[in-house]
Amino acid sequence: MERFQDENKFLGSFNDEIFVKCPNCESKASILKKPAEDCKCGKCKVMSFECKHCFTKPRQPIIKYVAYGKRYCINCRKSYEFESQAFKKKSLIYKTRCPHCNFQEEGKTKIKEIIEESKFEKGLMRERWYNLPLWFQKEFDNEIFWAYNLDHIYYLERYINAGLRERNSKVNYTSSLVARLPQFVKAAKNREKLLKILKKWKE
């Protein structure tokens, strides 16, 4: 029986190189972790895109900010929810208009970040630096099965193939990559199908 012991690796343990689909030629490209040019300590890293097929230089996605939340109108005492349009600048203060009495008030708000729409179809798993679709991904029972690179694939393969899976309860018990895997990856009934996908990706 194959045995797997959780090594307490995080998703970030596999992001030295992330394989993605090039936004220009749609070939296999990479996002690489490199030393920051303006770093003085020698430890700072940045993520840089590279495509060896067309040598395109995509810009990083534009991030915008949306104010949202729930307020109680100080005029009519009724509650209402609100969500703003997307703004280029982040602000923790937002003016709203009560939908019940039209009274306007300004106050602190919650903020969420949104990324500019990509030309690629929706529903794909993407990395967070350039918002590009991952190269290794496949729909599986209405879920997305995915991996960053070959090291990630081999780690998943070892876990899925194991009949005995041991967790390390002393460190990162609930936050390791294995702990956060979706149920369809953990299910024994999906073992053979998922292993076939991983084998194809390795080829």
N, C-alpha and C. Protein backbone atom coordinates (compact mmCIF):
# COMPACT_ATOMS: atom_id res chain seq x y z
N MET A 1 0.85 -1.21 0.00
CA MET A 1 0.00 0.00 0.00
C MET A 1 0.88 1.25 0.00
N GLU A 2 0.60 2.15 -0.94
CA GLU A 2 1.35 3.41 -1.01
C GLU A 2 1.02 4.28 0.20
N ARG A 3 2.05 4.95 0.75
CA ARG A 3 1.87 5.79 1.94
C ARG A 3 2.30 7.22 1.64
N PHE A 4 1.49 8.16 2.06
CA PHE A 4 1.80 9.58 1.88
C PHE A 4 1.77 10.27 3.23
N GLN A 5 2.82 11.02 3.52
CA GLN A 5 2.86 11.81 4.75
C GLN A 5 2.92 13.29 4.40
N ASP A 6 2.00 14.05 4.94
CA ASP A 6 1.92 15.47 4.64
C ASP A 6 3.23 16.16 5.01
N GLU A 7 3.83 16.83 4.04
CA GLU A 7 5.08 17.55 4.27
C GLU A 7 4.85 19.01 4.65
N ASN A 8 3.59 19.35 4.91
CA ASN A 8 3.21 20.70 5.32
C ASN A 8 3.64 21.75 4.29
N LYS A 9 3.48 21.40 3.03
CA LYS A 9 3.76 22.36 1.98
C LYS A 9 2.51 23.19 1.70
N PHE A 10 2.74 24.46 1.34
CA PHE A 10 1.65 25.35 0.98
C PHE A 10 1.61 25.49 -0.54
N LEU A 11 0.57 26.11 -1.05
CA LEU A 11 0.51 26.35 -2.48
C LEU A 11 1.69 27.20 -2.91
N GLY A 12 2.11 28.13 -2.05
CA GLY A 12 3.25 28.98 -2.36
C GLY A 12 4.55 28.22 -2.48
N SER A 13 4.58 26.98 -2.00
CA SER A 13 5.79 26.17 -2.11
C SER A 13 6.05 25.77 -3.57
N PHE A 14 5.04 25.94 -4.42
CA PHE A 14 5.15 25.50 -5.81
C PHE A 14 5.09 26.65 -6.81
N ASN A 15 5.29 27.88 -6.35
CA ASN A 15 5.13 29.01 -7.28
C ASN A 15 6.43 29.61 -7.80
N ASP A 16 7.54 28.85 -7.74
CA ASP A 16 8.78 29.34 -8.35
C ASP A 16 8.62 29.46 -9.87
N GLU A 17 7.82 28.56 -10.44
CA GLU A 17 7.49 28.64 -11.87
C GLU A 17 6.07 28.14 -12.05
N ILE A 18 5.24 28.97 -12.65
CA ILE A 18 3.84 28.62 -12.89
C ILE A 18 3.61 28.60 -14.40
N PHE A 19 3.12 27.48 -14.91
CA PHE A 19 2.86 27.37 -16.35
C PHE A 19 1.47 27.91 -16.65
N VAL A 20 1.41 28.80 -17.65
CA VAL A 20 0.16 29.46 -18.02
C VAL A 20 -0.02 29.47 -19.54
N LYS A 21 -1.18 29.90 -19.98
CA LYS A 21 -1.44 30.07 -21.42
C LYS A 21 -1.10 31.50 -21.81
N CYS A 22 -0.23 31.64 -22.81
CA CYS A 22 0.19 32.96 -23.26
C CYS A 22 -1.00 33.74 -23.79
N PRO A 23 -1.20 34.99 -23.38
CA PRO A 23 -2.35 35.79 -23.85
C PRO A 23 -2.23 36.20 -25.32
N ASN A 24 -1.03 36.07 -25.89
CA ASN A 24 -0.82 36.48 -27.28
C ASN A 24 -0.91 35.30 -28.25
N CYS A 25 -0.11 34.25 -28.03
CA CYS A 25 -0.08 33.11 -28.96
C CYS A 25 -0.76 31.87 -28.41
N GLU A 26 -1.19 31.91 -27.14
CA GLU A 26 -1.88 30.81 -26.46
C GLU A 26 -1.03 29.56 -26.34
N SER A 27 0.30 29.70 -26.43
CA SER A 27 1.21 28.59 -26.19
C SER A 27 1.51 28.49 -24.71
N LYS A 28 2.26 27.48 -24.34
CA LYS A 28 2.66 27.28 -22.96
C LYS A 28 3.71 28.32 -22.58
N ALA A 29 3.44 29.09 -21.56
CA ALA A 29 4.35 30.13 -21.10
C ALA A 29 4.57 29.96 -19.59
N SER A 30 5.41 30.82 -19.02
CA SER A 30 5.76 30.68 -17.60
C SER A 30 5.68 32.01 -16.88
N ILE A 31 5.36 31.93 -15.60
CA ILE A 31 5.52 33.05 -14.70
C ILE A 31 6.55 32.61 -13.68
N LEU A 32 7.69 33.30 -13.66
CA LEU A 32 8.84 32.89 -12.87
C LEU A 32 9.08 33.83 -11.69
N LYS A 33 9.49 33.26 -10.58
CA LYS A 33 9.87 34.06 -9.42
C LYS A 33 11.33 34.46 -9.57
N LYS A 34 11.58 35.78 -9.57
CA LYS A 34 12.93 36.29 -9.77
C LYS A 34 13.27 37.33 -8.71
N PRO A 35 14.56 37.57 -8.48
CA PRO A 35 14.96 38.62 -7.53
C PRO A 35 14.51 39.99 -8.03
N ALA A 36 14.02 40.82 -7.14
CA ALA A 36 13.60 42.18 -7.51
C ALA A 36 14.82 43.04 -7.82
N GLU A 37 14.77 43.79 -8.91
CA GLU A 37 15.93 44.58 -9.34
C GLU A 37 16.30 45.67 -8.35
N ASP A 38 15.30 46.27 -7.70
CA ASP A 38 15.58 47.38 -6.78
C ASP A 38 15.70 46.93 -5.32
N CYS A 39 15.84 45.63 -5.10
CA CYS A 39 15.94 45.11 -3.74
C CYS A 39 17.36 45.29 -3.20
N LYS A 40 17.46 45.79 -1.98
CA LYS A 40 18.76 46.00 -1.35
C LYS A 40 19.13 44.86 -0.38
N CYS A 41 18.12 44.10 0.04
CA CYS A 41 18.40 43.02 0.99
C CYS A 41 18.71 41.70 0.31
N GLY A 42 18.38 41.61 -0.97
CA GLY A 42 18.66 40.39 -1.72
C GLY A 42 17.63 39.28 -1.53
N LYS A 43 16.57 39.57 -0.78
CA LYS A 43 15.57 38.56 -0.49
C LYS A 43 14.24 38.80 -1.21
N CYS A 44 14.02 40.01 -1.69
CA CYS A 44 12.75 40.35 -2.32
C CYS A 44 12.62 39.68 -3.69
N LYS A 45 11.42 39.17 -3.98
CA LYS A 45 11.16 38.47 -5.24
C LYS A 45 9.99 39.12 -5.98
N VAL A 46 9.99 38.99 -7.30
CA VAL A 46 8.89 39.44 -8.13
C VAL A 46 8.53 38.32 -9.10
N MET A 47 7.31 38.35 -9.61
CA MET A 47 6.86 37.36 -10.57
C MET A 47 6.92 37.97 -11.97
N SER A 48 7.63 37.31 -12.87
CA SER A 48 7.86 37.83 -14.21
C SER A 48 7.35 36.85 -15.26
N PHE A 49 6.65 37.38 -16.27
CA PHE A 49 6.08 36.53 -17.34
C PHE A 49 7.10 36.30 -18.44
N GLU A 50 7.13 35.06 -18.97
CA GLU A 50 8.00 34.74 -20.10
C GLU A 50 7.29 33.78 -21.05
N CYS A 51 7.31 34.12 -22.34
CA CYS A 51 6.83 33.21 -23.37
C CYS A 51 7.96 33.03 -24.38
N LYS A 52 8.45 31.80 -24.53
CA LYS A 52 9.57 31.53 -25.43
C LYS A 52 9.11 31.30 -26.86
N HIS A 53 7.80 31.42 -27.10
CA HIS A 53 7.27 31.24 -28.45
C HIS A 53 7.11 32.57 -29.18
N CYS A 54 6.53 33.55 -28.50
CA CYS A 54 6.29 34.84 -29.17
C CYS A 54 6.97 36.01 -28.47
N PHE A 55 7.55 35.77 -27.28
CA PHE A 55 8.29 36.79 -26.53
C PHE A 55 7.46 38.03 -26.23
N THR A 56 6.16 37.83 -26.05
CA THR A 56 5.29 38.95 -25.70
C THR A 56 5.56 39.40 -24.27
N LYS A 57 5.22 40.64 -23.97
CA LYS A 57 5.38 41.19 -22.63
C LYS A 57 4.03 41.73 -22.16
N PRO A 58 3.19 40.87 -21.60
CA PRO A 58 1.87 41.33 -21.16
C PRO A 58 1.96 42.22 -19.95
N ARG A 59 1.06 43.16 -19.86
CA ARG A 59 1.01 44.00 -18.67
C ARG A 59 0.28 43.26 -17.57
N GLN A 60 0.57 43.61 -16.36
CA GLN A 60 -0.15 43.01 -15.25
C GLN A 60 -1.58 43.55 -15.24
N PRO A 61 -2.53 42.77 -14.74
CA PRO A 61 -3.94 43.19 -14.79
C PRO A 61 -4.19 44.44 -13.96
N ILE A 62 -5.15 45.22 -14.40
CA ILE A 62 -5.54 46.42 -13.67
C ILE A 62 -6.46 46.03 -12.52
N ILE A 63 -6.11 46.45 -11.33
CA ILE A 63 -6.93 46.16 -10.16
C ILE A 63 -7.77 47.39 -9.82
N LYS A 64 -9.06 47.18 -9.65
CA LYS A 64 -9.96 48.26 -9.25
C LYS A 64 -10.62 47.90 -7.92
N TYR A 65 -11.29 48.90 -7.34
CA TYR A 65 -11.82 48.73 -5.99
C TYR A 65 -13.31 49.03 -5.95
N VAL A 66 -14.03 48.19 -5.22
CA VAL A 66 -15.48 48.35 -5.08
C VAL A 66 -15.82 48.47 -3.60
N ALA A 67 -16.59 49.53 -3.28
CA ALA A 67 -17.07 49.72 -1.90
C ALA A 67 -18.38 48.96 -1.74
N TYR A 68 -18.55 48.29 -0.61
CA TYR A 68 -19.78 47.53 -0.40
C TYR A 68 -20.06 47.41 1.10
N GLY A 69 -21.28 47.04 1.42
CA GLY A 69 -21.60 46.84 2.83
C GLY A 69 -23.08 47.03 3.12
N LYS A 70 -23.39 47.24 4.40
CA LYS A 70 -24.76 47.42 4.87
C LYS A 70 -24.78 48.60 5.82
N ARG A 71 -25.77 49.47 5.67
CA ARG A 71 -25.88 50.64 6.54
C ARG A 71 -27.30 50.79 7.07
N TYR A 72 -27.37 51.49 8.21
CA TYR A 72 -28.67 51.86 8.78
C TYR A 72 -28.81 53.37 8.61
N CYS A 73 -29.82 53.77 7.88
CA CYS A 73 -30.03 55.19 7.60
C CYS A 73 -30.32 55.95 8.90
N ILE A 74 -29.57 57.03 9.14
CA ILE A 74 -29.77 57.80 10.36
C ILE A 74 -31.01 58.70 10.27
N ASN A 75 -31.58 58.78 9.06
CA ASN A 75 -32.78 59.62 8.87
C ASN A 75 -34.06 58.82 9.06
N CYS A 76 -34.19 57.67 8.35
CA CYS A 76 -35.43 56.89 8.44
C CYS A 76 -35.28 55.61 9.25
N ARG A 77 -34.06 55.32 9.69
CA ARG A 77 -33.76 54.17 10.55
C ARG A 77 -33.94 52.82 9.86
N LYS A 78 -33.99 52.80 8.55
CA LYS A 78 -34.10 51.54 7.82
C LYS A 78 -32.73 51.10 7.32
N SER A 79 -32.55 49.80 7.17
CA SER A 79 -31.27 49.27 6.70
C SER A 79 -31.29 49.06 5.19
N TYR A 80 -30.12 49.12 4.60
CA TYR A 80 -30.00 48.85 3.15
C TYR A 80 -28.58 48.41 2.85
N GLU A 81 -28.44 47.65 1.78
CA GLU A 81 -27.13 47.20 1.32
C GLU A 81 -26.71 48.03 0.12
N PHE A 82 -25.42 48.17 -0.08
CA PHE A 82 -24.93 48.98 -1.21
C PHE A 82 -23.68 48.36 -1.80
N GLU A 83 -23.43 48.67 -3.06
CA GLU A 83 -22.20 48.27 -3.75
C GLU A 83 -21.92 49.32 -4.81
N SER A 84 -20.72 49.86 -4.80
CA SER A 84 -20.37 50.96 -5.70
C SER A 84 -19.93 50.44 -7.06
N GLN A 85 -19.72 51.35 -7.98
CA GLN A 85 -19.06 51.02 -9.23
C GLN A 85 -17.58 50.81 -8.93
N ALA A 86 -16.83 50.34 -9.90
CA ALA A 86 -15.40 50.09 -9.69
C ALA A 86 -14.60 51.38 -9.82
N PHE A 87 -13.72 51.64 -8.84
CA PHE A 87 -12.87 52.81 -8.84
C PHE A 87 -11.40 52.43 -9.01
N LYS A 88 -10.61 53.33 -9.58
CA LYS A 88 -9.19 53.07 -9.75
C LYS A 88 -8.42 53.25 -8.45
N LYS A 89 -8.93 54.12 -7.57
CA LYS A 89 -8.25 54.39 -6.31
C LYS A 89 -9.03 53.79 -5.14
N LYS A 90 -8.30 53.35 -4.15
CA LYS A 90 -8.90 52.73 -2.97
C LYS A 90 -9.24 53.79 -1.93
N SER A 91 -10.46 53.78 -1.45
CA SER A 91 -10.89 54.72 -0.42
C SER A 91 -11.77 54.00 0.59
N LEU A 92 -11.53 54.24 1.87
CA LEU A 92 -12.29 53.58 2.91
C LEU A 92 -13.52 54.38 3.33
N ILE A 93 -13.71 55.55 2.68
CA ILE A 93 -14.88 56.39 2.94
C ILE A 93 -15.74 56.43 1.69
N TYR A 94 -17.04 56.20 1.84
CA TYR A 94 -17.93 56.16 0.67
C TYR A 94 -19.29 56.78 1.04
N LYS A 95 -19.80 57.63 0.12
CA LYS A 95 -21.10 58.27 0.34
C LYS A 95 -22.20 57.44 -0.32
N THR A 96 -23.24 57.15 0.43
CA THR A 96 -24.36 56.37 -0.09
C THR A 96 -25.66 57.18 -0.01
N ARG A 97 -26.64 56.73 -0.77
CA ARG A 97 -27.99 57.34 -0.74
C ARG A 97 -28.98 56.27 -0.29
N CYS A 98 -29.71 56.55 0.74
CA CYS A 98 -30.71 55.60 1.25
C CYS A 98 -31.79 55.37 0.20
N PRO A 99 -32.08 54.13 -0.18
CA PRO A 99 -33.10 53.85 -1.19
C PRO A 99 -34.53 54.06 -0.68
N HIS A 100 -34.67 54.23 0.64
CA HIS A 100 -36.00 54.40 1.22
C HIS A 100 -36.42 55.87 1.31
N CYS A 101 -35.46 56.74 1.67
CA CYS A 101 -35.82 58.15 1.86
C CYS A 101 -34.90 59.13 1.12
N ASN A 102 -33.93 58.59 0.35
CA ASN A 102 -32.99 59.40 -0.44
C ASN A 102 -32.00 60.22 0.39
N PHE A 103 -31.93 59.95 1.68
CA PHE A 103 -30.96 60.66 2.52
C PHE A 103 -29.54 60.18 2.20
N GLN A 104 -28.62 61.14 2.08
CA GLN A 104 -27.24 60.80 1.77
C GLN A 104 -26.38 60.87 3.04
N GLU A 105 -25.51 59.91 3.17
CA GLU A 105 -24.58 59.93 4.30
C GLU A 105 -23.24 59.33 3.88
N GLU A 106 -22.20 59.75 4.58
CA GLU A 106 -20.85 59.32 4.26
C GLU A 106 -20.27 58.59 5.46
N GLY A 107 -19.56 57.52 5.20
CA GLY A 107 -18.97 56.77 6.31
C GLY A 107 -17.99 55.72 5.84
N LYS A 108 -17.44 55.00 6.79
CA LYS A 108 -16.48 53.96 6.46
C LYS A 108 -17.15 52.82 5.73
N THR A 109 -16.37 52.14 4.88
CA THR A 109 -16.93 51.08 4.06
C THR A 109 -15.95 49.92 3.93
N LYS A 110 -16.47 48.78 3.56
CA LYS A 110 -15.62 47.64 3.21
C LYS A 110 -15.19 47.79 1.74
N ILE A 111 -14.04 47.24 1.41
CA ILE A 111 -13.50 47.34 0.05
C ILE A 111 -13.12 45.95 -0.46
N LYS A 112 -13.49 45.67 -1.70
CA LYS A 112 -13.01 44.44 -2.34
C LYS A 112 -12.31 44.79 -3.65
N GLU A 113 -11.31 44.00 -3.97
CA GLU A 113 -10.55 44.21 -5.20
C GLU A 113 -11.14 43.38 -6.32
N ILE A 114 -11.19 43.94 -7.52
CA ILE A 114 -11.62 43.19 -8.70
C ILE A 114 -10.56 43.36 -9.77
N ILE A 115 -10.44 42.38 -10.62
CA ILE A 115 -9.44 42.40 -11.69
C ILE A 115 -10.13 42.60 -13.03
N GLU A 116 -9.52 43.40 -13.86
CA GLU A 116 -10.04 43.68 -15.19
C GLU A 116 -10.32 42.39 -15.94
N GLU A 117 -11.42 42.35 -16.66
CA GLU A 117 -11.81 41.15 -17.40
C GLU A 117 -10.73 40.73 -18.38
N SER A 118 -10.51 39.42 -18.47
CA SER A 118 -9.54 38.87 -19.41
C SER A 118 -10.24 38.48 -20.70
N LYS A 119 -9.48 38.41 -21.80
CA LYS A 119 -10.07 37.99 -23.08
C LYS A 119 -10.36 36.50 -23.09
N PHE A 120 -9.73 35.75 -22.16
CA PHE A 120 -9.96 34.32 -22.12
C PHE A 120 -11.34 34.03 -21.54
N GLU A 121 -11.88 32.87 -21.91
CA GLU A 121 -13.21 32.49 -21.45
C GLU A 121 -13.26 32.40 -19.94
N LYS A 122 -14.44 32.63 -19.39
CA LYS A 122 -14.61 32.58 -17.95
C LYS A 122 -14.65 31.12 -17.48
N GLY A 123 -14.48 30.94 -16.18
CA GLY A 123 -14.55 29.61 -15.60
C GLY A 123 -13.23 28.90 -15.50
N LEU A 124 -12.16 29.52 -16.01
CA LEU A 124 -10.84 28.91 -15.93
C LEU A 124 -10.14 29.29 -14.63
N MET A 125 -9.29 28.39 -14.15
CA MET A 125 -8.47 28.71 -12.99
C MET A 125 -7.31 29.58 -13.44
N ARG A 126 -7.04 30.67 -12.71
CA ARG A 126 -6.01 31.63 -13.10
C ARG A 126 -5.02 31.87 -11.98
N GLU A 127 -3.82 32.29 -12.36
CA GLU A 127 -2.87 32.71 -11.34
C GLU A 127 -3.17 34.17 -11.00
N ARG A 128 -2.62 34.66 -9.89
CA ARG A 128 -3.06 35.96 -9.37
C ARG A 128 -2.18 37.14 -9.77
N TRP A 129 -1.06 36.90 -10.46
CA TRP A 129 -0.17 38.00 -10.79
C TRP A 129 -0.51 38.66 -12.13
N TYR A 130 -0.84 37.87 -13.13
CA TYR A 130 -1.20 38.40 -14.45
C TYR A 130 -2.62 38.01 -14.87
N ASN A 131 -3.30 37.27 -13.99
CA ASN A 131 -4.68 36.83 -14.25
C ASN A 131 -4.76 35.97 -15.51
N LEU A 132 -3.77 35.12 -15.74
CA LEU A 132 -3.73 34.25 -16.91
C LEU A 132 -4.17 32.83 -16.53
N PRO A 133 -4.81 32.11 -17.46
CA PRO A 133 -5.25 30.74 -17.17
C PRO A 133 -4.06 29.80 -16.97
N LEU A 134 -4.19 28.92 -16.01
CA LEU A 134 -3.15 27.92 -15.79
C LEU A 134 -3.10 26.95 -16.97
N TRP A 135 -1.91 26.48 -17.28
CA TRP A 135 -1.74 25.54 -18.39
C TRP A 135 -2.27 24.16 -18.03
N PHE A 136 -2.00 23.73 -16.80
CA PHE A 136 -2.46 22.42 -16.34
C PHE A 136 -3.80 22.58 -15.62
N GLN A 137 -4.88 22.36 -16.32
CA GLN A 137 -6.19 22.38 -15.70
C GLN A 137 -7.19 21.62 -16.56
N LYS A 138 -8.15 21.02 -15.88
CA LYS A 138 -9.16 20.23 -16.58
C LYS A 138 -10.44 20.19 -15.75
N GLU A 139 -11.57 20.31 -16.42
CA GLU A 139 -12.85 20.22 -15.73
C GLU A 139 -13.09 18.77 -15.29
N PHE A 140 -13.54 18.61 -14.06
CA PHE A 140 -13.75 17.27 -13.50
C PHE A 140 -15.00 17.31 -12.63
N ASP A 141 -16.08 16.70 -13.10
CA ASP A 141 -17.33 16.66 -12.34
C ASP A 141 -17.76 18.03 -11.84
N ASN A 142 -17.80 18.99 -12.75
CA ASN A 142 -18.21 20.37 -12.46
C ASN A 142 -17.24 21.11 -11.54
N GLU A 143 -16.05 20.58 -11.38
CA GLU A 143 -14.99 21.23 -10.63
C GLU A 143 -13.79 21.43 -11.56
N ILE A 144 -12.80 22.20 -11.11
CA ILE A 144 -11.58 22.38 -11.89
C ILE A 144 -10.41 21.72 -11.15
N PHE A 145 -9.80 20.75 -11.80
CA PHE A 145 -8.60 20.09 -11.28
C PHE A 145 -7.41 20.77 -11.93
N TRP A 146 -6.45 21.23 -11.13
CA TRP A 146 -5.38 22.05 -11.68
C TRP A 146 -4.07 21.88 -10.92
N ALA A 147 -2.98 22.36 -11.56
CA ALA A 147 -1.67 22.34 -10.93
C ALA A 147 -0.82 23.45 -11.52
N TYR A 148 0.15 23.93 -10.74
CA TYR A 148 1.04 25.00 -11.20
C TYR A 148 2.13 24.49 -12.14
N ASN A 149 2.77 23.37 -11.77
CA ASN A 149 3.95 22.90 -12.50
C ASN A 149 4.17 21.42 -12.20
N LEU A 150 5.30 20.86 -12.69
CA LEU A 150 5.56 19.43 -12.52
C LEU A 150 5.76 19.04 -11.07
N ASP A 151 6.43 19.87 -10.29
CA ASP A 151 6.61 19.56 -8.87
C ASP A 151 5.26 19.45 -8.17
N HIS A 152 4.36 20.36 -8.49
CA HIS A 152 3.01 20.34 -7.95
C HIS A 152 2.28 19.07 -8.38
N ILE A 153 2.45 18.69 -9.65
CA ILE A 153 1.82 17.49 -10.19
C ILE A 153 2.31 16.25 -9.46
N TYR A 154 3.62 16.13 -9.27
CA TYR A 154 4.19 14.95 -8.59
C TYR A 154 3.70 14.87 -7.14
N TYR A 155 3.56 16.02 -6.50
CA TYR A 155 3.09 16.04 -5.11
C TYR A 155 1.64 15.57 -5.04
N LEU A 156 0.81 16.06 -5.95
CA LEU A 156 -0.59 15.63 -6.01
C LEU A 156 -0.69 14.15 -6.34
N GLU A 157 0.16 13.70 -7.26
CA GLU A 157 0.16 12.30 -7.66
C GLU A 157 0.46 11.38 -6.48
N ARG A 158 1.45 11.75 -5.70
CA ARG A 158 1.80 10.95 -4.52
C ARG A 158 0.64 10.88 -3.53
N TYR A 159 -0.03 12.01 -3.34
CA TYR A 159 -1.16 12.05 -2.41
C TYR A 159 -2.32 11.22 -2.92
N ILE A 160 -2.71 11.42 -4.17
CA ILE A 160 -3.87 10.73 -4.73
C ILE A 160 -3.64 9.22 -4.82
N ASN A 161 -2.42 8.83 -5.13
CA ASN A 161 -2.10 7.41 -5.32
C ASN A 161 -2.00 6.65 -4.01
N ALA A 162 -1.85 7.35 -2.91
CA ALA A 162 -1.62 6.71 -1.61
C ALA A 162 -2.89 6.10 -1.04
N GLY A 163 -2.76 4.88 -0.56
CA GLY A 163 -3.87 4.24 0.14
C GLY A 163 -3.90 4.64 1.60
N LEU A 164 -2.74 5.07 2.10
CA LEU A 164 -2.62 5.53 3.49
C LEU A 164 -2.10 6.96 3.46
N ARG A 165 -2.91 7.90 3.93
CA ARG A 165 -2.55 9.31 3.92
C ARG A 165 -2.43 9.80 5.36
N GLU A 166 -1.23 10.23 5.72
CA GLU A 166 -0.97 10.67 7.09
C GLU A 166 -0.80 12.17 7.13
N ARG A 167 -1.44 12.79 8.10
CA ARG A 167 -1.35 14.23 8.29
C ARG A 167 -0.41 14.53 9.44
N ASN A 168 0.26 15.66 9.37
CA ASN A 168 1.13 16.12 10.44
C ASN A 168 0.32 17.05 11.32
N SER A 169 -0.08 16.59 12.48
CA SER A 169 -0.97 17.37 13.36
C SER A 169 -0.25 18.44 14.16
N LYS A 170 1.09 18.44 14.13
CA LYS A 170 1.83 19.38 14.94
C LYS A 170 2.06 20.73 14.26
N VAL A 171 2.07 20.73 12.92
CA VAL A 171 2.37 21.96 12.19
C VAL A 171 1.36 22.16 11.06
N ASN A 172 0.76 23.34 10.99
CA ASN A 172 -0.11 23.71 9.87
C ASN A 172 -1.19 22.66 9.58
N TYR A 173 -1.79 22.14 10.60
CA TYR A 173 -2.73 21.03 10.42
C TYR A 173 -3.90 21.37 9.48
N THR A 174 -4.37 22.60 9.56
CA THR A 174 -5.53 22.96 8.75
C THR A 174 -5.21 23.90 7.59
N SER A 175 -3.94 24.26 7.41
CA SER A 175 -3.62 25.25 6.39
C SER A 175 -2.65 24.77 5.32
N SER A 176 -2.18 23.53 5.39
CA SER A 176 -1.29 23.02 4.36
C SER A 176 -2.06 22.81 3.06
N LEU A 177 -1.33 22.62 1.97
CA LEU A 177 -1.97 22.39 0.67
C LEU A 177 -2.89 21.17 0.73
N VAL A 178 -2.41 20.09 1.35
CA VAL A 178 -3.20 18.86 1.44
C VAL A 178 -4.48 19.09 2.23
N ALA A 179 -4.38 19.85 3.31
CA ALA A 179 -5.55 20.10 4.15
C ALA A 179 -6.64 20.87 3.40
N ARG A 180 -6.22 21.65 2.41
CA ARG A 180 -7.17 22.51 1.69
C ARG A 180 -7.61 21.93 0.34
N LEU A 181 -7.21 20.72 0.04
CA LEU A 181 -7.63 20.10 -1.22
C LEU A 181 -9.15 19.89 -1.21
N PRO A 182 -9.82 20.11 -2.35
CA PRO A 182 -11.27 19.88 -2.40
C PRO A 182 -11.60 18.40 -2.25
N GLN A 183 -12.82 18.12 -1.88
CA GLN A 183 -13.23 16.75 -1.57
C GLN A 183 -13.11 15.82 -2.77
N PHE A 184 -13.33 16.33 -3.97
CA PHE A 184 -13.29 15.44 -5.14
C PHE A 184 -11.87 14.92 -5.39
N VAL A 185 -10.85 15.66 -4.93
CA VAL A 185 -9.47 15.19 -5.07
C VAL A 185 -9.18 14.12 -4.01
N LYS A 186 -9.79 14.23 -2.85
CA LYS A 186 -9.55 13.30 -1.77
C LYS A 186 -10.32 11.99 -1.92
N ALA A 187 -11.41 12.01 -2.70
CA ALA A 187 -12.29 10.85 -2.81
C ALA A 187 -11.61 9.67 -3.50
N ALA A 188 -11.66 8.51 -2.87
CA ALA A 188 -11.03 7.30 -3.42
C ALA A 188 -11.65 6.91 -4.77
N LYS A 189 -12.93 7.18 -4.97
CA LYS A 189 -13.59 6.79 -6.20
C LYS A 189 -13.05 7.52 -7.42
N ASN A 190 -12.40 8.66 -7.20
CA ASN A 190 -11.86 9.45 -8.32
C ASN A 190 -10.38 9.18 -8.56
N ARG A 191 -9.78 8.30 -7.78
CA ARG A 191 -8.32 8.10 -7.82
C ARG A 191 -7.81 7.79 -9.23
N GLU A 192 -8.37 6.79 -9.88
CA GLU A 192 -7.85 6.36 -11.17
C GLU A 192 -8.00 7.44 -12.24
N LYS A 193 -9.14 8.12 -12.25
CA LYS A 193 -9.38 9.16 -13.26
C LYS A 193 -8.42 10.33 -13.08
N LEU A 194 -8.20 10.73 -11.83
CA LEU A 194 -7.30 11.85 -11.57
C LEU A 194 -5.85 11.49 -11.88
N LEU A 195 -5.46 10.26 -11.58
CA LEU A 195 -4.10 9.81 -11.89
C LEU A 195 -3.85 9.79 -13.40
N LYS A 196 -4.87 9.47 -14.17
CA LYS A 196 -4.73 9.48 -15.63
C LYS A 196 -4.51 10.90 -16.14
N ILE A 197 -5.20 11.86 -15.53
CA ILE A 197 -5.03 13.27 -15.92
C ILE A 197 -3.61 13.72 -15.61
N LEU A 198 -3.14 13.39 -14.41
CA LEU A 198 -1.78 13.76 -14.02
C LEU A 198 -0.73 13.11 -14.92
N LYS A 199 -0.95 11.87 -15.30
CA LYS A 199 -0.02 11.17 -16.19
C LYS A 199 0.06 11.86 -17.54
N LYS A 200 -1.08 12.28 -18.04
CA LYS A 200 -1.11 12.99 -19.33
C LYS A 200 -0.38 14.33 -19.23
N TRP A 201 -0.56 15.04 -18.13
CA TRP A 201 0.12 16.33 -17.93
C TRP A 201 1.63 16.14 -17.90
N LYS A 202 2.10 15.05 -17.30
CA LYS A 202 3.54 14.80 -17.21
C LYS A 202 4.15 14.52 -18.58
N GLU A 203 3.35 14.01 -19.48
CA GLU A 203 3.83 13.69 -20.82
C GLU A 203 4.00 14.93 -21.68
